[in-house]
Amino acid sequence: MQVLSIYTRRIYDINGEKKAQWYKAGILKETDGGRKFIRLFHQPHVDFFVVDNNENSEVSERESQAEES
């Protein structure tokens, strides 16, 4: 399983100089079986499944049962 971090940033201005503050927003997991899903920290206990654009808009029951670590 591969786990990747998802970050967002807030850009702000201090004395005419742009600064960025980075926040860890969640994770993206790819299972050994190739399934992918994300977990955003602002919505705990909710997984968002990642599918190719050319797949059907409905996720099959098999894909909706993501493996968790």
Protein backbone atom coordinates (compact mmCIF):
# COMPACT_ATOMS: atom_id res chain seq x y z
CA MET A 1 0.00 0.00 0.00
CA GLN A 2 1.24 3.47 -0.85
CA VAL A 3 0.18 6.46 1.23
CA LEU A 4 0.59 10.02 -0.10
CA SER A 5 -0.04 13.25 1.79
CA ILE A 6 -2.46 15.91 0.52
CA TYR A 7 -1.61 19.53 1.33
CA THR A 8 -3.29 22.87 0.87
CA ARG A 9 -1.85 26.33 1.37
CA ARG A 10 -2.86 29.77 2.47
CA ILE A 11 -1.04 32.59 0.71
CA TYR A 12 -0.76 35.84 2.60
CA ASP A 13 1.13 39.12 2.34
CA ILE A 14 3.53 40.50 4.97
CA ASN A 15 5.06 43.89 4.22
CA GLY A 16 4.62 43.39 0.47
CA GLU A 17 6.21 39.93 0.53
CA LYS A 18 4.05 36.91 -0.31
CA LYS A 19 4.27 34.01 2.12
CA ALA A 20 2.64 30.60 2.12
CA GLN A 21 1.54 28.53 5.08
CA TRP A 22 1.04 24.84 4.31
CA TYR A 23 -1.51 22.59 5.99
CA LYS A 24 -1.79 18.82 5.73
CA ALA A 25 -5.36 18.33 4.48
CA GLY A 26 -5.47 14.54 4.20
CA ILE A 27 -4.02 11.43 2.62
CA LEU A 28 -4.38 9.47 -0.61
CA LYS A 29 -4.03 5.69 -0.33
CA GLU A 30 -3.39 3.28 -3.17
CA THR A 31 -3.88 -0.35 -2.19
CA ASP A 32 -1.79 -3.22 -3.48
CA GLY A 33 -4.85 -4.16 -5.58
CA GLY A 34 -4.76 -0.77 -7.36
CA ARG A 35 -7.74 0.83 -5.62
CA LYS A 36 -7.34 4.49 -4.62
CA PHE A 37 -9.12 6.63 -2.07
CA ILE A 38 -8.58 9.85 -0.17
CA ARG A 39 -9.33 10.83 3.40
CA LEU A 40 -9.69 14.53 4.13
CA PHE A 41 -9.07 15.49 7.74
CA HIS A 42 -11.89 18.05 7.84
CA GLN A 43 -14.33 15.18 7.19
CA PRO A 44 -13.21 12.39 9.53
CA HIS A 45 -14.33 8.79 8.95
CA VAL A 46 -15.31 9.58 5.32
CA ASP A 47 -13.34 8.06 2.43
CA PHE A 48 -13.57 9.47 -1.10
CA PHE A 49 -12.88 6.92 -3.81
CA VAL A 50 -10.73 7.89 -6.79
CA VAL A 51 -11.66 6.42 -10.20
CA ASP A 52 -10.62 7.13 -13.77
CA ASN A 53 -12.69 9.71 -15.63
CA ASN A 54 -13.62 7.22 -18.34
CA GLU A 55 -15.16 4.75 -15.87
CA ASN A 56 -18.88 4.66 -15.13
CA SER A 57 -20.06 7.32 -12.70
CA GLU A 58 -21.26 4.62 -10.31
CA VAL A 59 -18.63 2.84 -8.26
CA SER A 60 -19.15 -0.90 -8.07
CA GLU A 61 -19.72 -2.63 -4.74
CA ARG A 62 -16.32 -4.32 -5.08
CA GLU A 63 -14.54 -0.96 -5.42
CA SER A 64 -16.47 0.63 -2.57
CA GLN A 65 -14.98 -1.82 -0.08
CA ALA A 66 -11.51 -0.25 0.13
CA GLU A 67 -8.84 -1.92 2.17
CA GLU A 68 -7.81 0.14 5.17
CA SER A 69 -4.56 -0.12 7.03
